[in-house]
Protein backbone atom coordinates (compact mmCIF):
# COMPACT_ATOMS: atom_id res chain seq x y z
CA MET A 1 0.00 0.00 0.00
CA ALA A 2 1.26 3.47 -0.89
CA GLN A 3 2.42 5.87 1.78
CA LEU A 4 0.37 9.08 1.75
CA ALA A 5 1.82 12.58 1.72
CA ASP A 6 1.28 14.67 4.86
CA SER A 7 -1.55 17.20 4.54
CA THR A 8 -2.70 19.89 6.96
CA VAL A 9 -5.84 21.96 6.36
CA TYR A 10 -5.25 25.53 7.62
CA GLU A 11 -8.54 27.07 6.50
CA ASP A 12 -11.81 25.54 5.37
CA ASN A 13 -14.79 27.88 5.12
CA ASP A 14 -17.60 28.64 2.67
CA ARG A 15 -15.20 30.38 0.22
CA VAL A 16 -11.80 28.64 0.34
CA ARG A 17 -9.90 25.62 1.61
CA VAL A 18 -6.14 26.02 2.19
CA THR A 19 -4.10 22.84 2.57
CA LYS A 20 -0.36 22.39 3.02
CA TRP A 21 1.02 19.25 1.37
CA ILE A 22 4.42 17.81 2.26
CA PHE A 23 5.67 14.97 0.07
CA ALA A 24 8.50 12.96 1.59
CA PRO A 25 10.29 10.80 -0.99
CA GLY A 26 7.99 7.99 -2.12
CA THR A 27 4.73 9.52 -0.85
CA GLU A 28 1.60 10.41 -2.83
CA THR A 29 -1.86 11.95 -2.51
CA GLY A 30 -3.78 8.94 -3.75
CA ASN A 31 -6.09 9.25 -6.73
CA HIS A 32 -8.58 12.12 -6.36
CA VAL A 33 -10.77 14.53 -8.32
CA HIS A 34 -10.60 18.28 -7.69
CA GLU A 35 -14.10 19.60 -7.02
CA HIS A 36 -13.00 23.26 -7.10
CA ASP A 37 -10.66 25.51 -9.06
CA TYR A 38 -7.34 25.75 -7.22
CA THR A 39 -3.99 27.49 -7.06
CA VAL A 40 -0.80 25.76 -5.94
CA VAL A 41 1.98 27.80 -4.30
CA PRO A 42 5.21 25.75 -4.07
CA LEU A 43 7.05 25.93 -0.74
CA LEU A 44 9.99 23.83 -1.94
CA THR A 45 11.42 23.37 -5.42
CA GLY A 46 11.22 19.85 -6.84
CA THR A 47 9.59 17.44 -9.26
CA LEU A 48 6.34 15.56 -8.74
CA MET A 49 4.77 12.97 -11.03
CA ILE A 50 1.15 13.53 -12.04
CA VAL A 51 -0.45 10.14 -12.70
CA THR A 52 -3.71 10.04 -14.68
CA GLY A 53 -5.59 7.38 -16.60
CA ASP A 54 -3.67 8.57 -19.69
CA GLY A 55 -0.19 8.11 -18.18
CA GLU A 56 2.36 10.09 -16.21
CA THR A 57 3.66 13.65 -16.53
CA GLU A 58 6.54 15.31 -14.70
CA ASN A 59 5.50 18.49 -12.90
CA GLU A 60 8.47 20.64 -11.94
CA ILE A 61 7.55 23.19 -9.30
CA ALA A 62 9.67 26.10 -8.08
CA TYR A 63 9.55 27.84 -4.72
CA GLY A 64 7.14 30.78 -4.78
CA GLU A 65 5.97 30.29 -8.40
CA PRO A 66 2.20 29.58 -8.23
CA TYR A 67 0.06 27.93 -10.88
CA PHE A 68 -3.71 27.61 -11.37
CA ARG A 69 -5.84 24.61 -12.36
CA ARG A 70 -9.57 24.21 -13.06
CA ALA A 71 -11.94 21.92 -11.19
CA GLY A 72 -12.33 18.41 -12.57
CA ALA A 73 -8.66 17.39 -12.62
CA GLU A 74 -8.38 13.72 -11.68
CA HIS A 75 -4.95 12.41 -10.73
CA ASN A 76 -2.54 11.03 -8.17
CA VAL A 77 0.46 13.20 -7.25
CA VAL A 78 3.59 11.16 -6.46
CA ASN A 79 7.05 12.18 -5.25
CA ARG A 80 9.47 9.75 -6.88
CA SER A 81 12.49 11.94 -6.17
CA ASN A 82 14.93 11.60 -3.28
CA ILE A 83 14.08 15.00 -1.73
CA ALA A 84 10.99 16.39 -0.01
CA VAL A 85 8.62 18.57 -2.05
CA ALA A 86 5.90 20.81 -0.56
CA PHE A 87 3.18 23.25 -1.59
CA MET A 88 0.13 25.13 -0.37
CA GLU A 89 -3.07 24.35 -2.26
CA ILE A 90 -5.78 27.04 -2.24
CA GLU A 91 -9.15 25.81 -3.45
CA VAL A 92 -11.80 28.38 -4.42
CA LYS A 93 -15.30 27.19 -3.54
């Protein structure tokens, strides 16, 4: 069974949910579907694998360089590197 990344929800109200994700080497989110649009703000630079039904894609993230995604994304995020990777995820409800 896969080891899950560490997640901490800092805010969850009627407008936003803010979650910090820390991916130790070898950890993952597990497959999930995003119900809301979201922005990711990297806290550490690194590479994560995005695993979908269509295959795998490398996602290089850099400290402080946010990116936005629309609701409906279905994937598993996996850290296959030998360093920790972390980001804040801000979901807009």
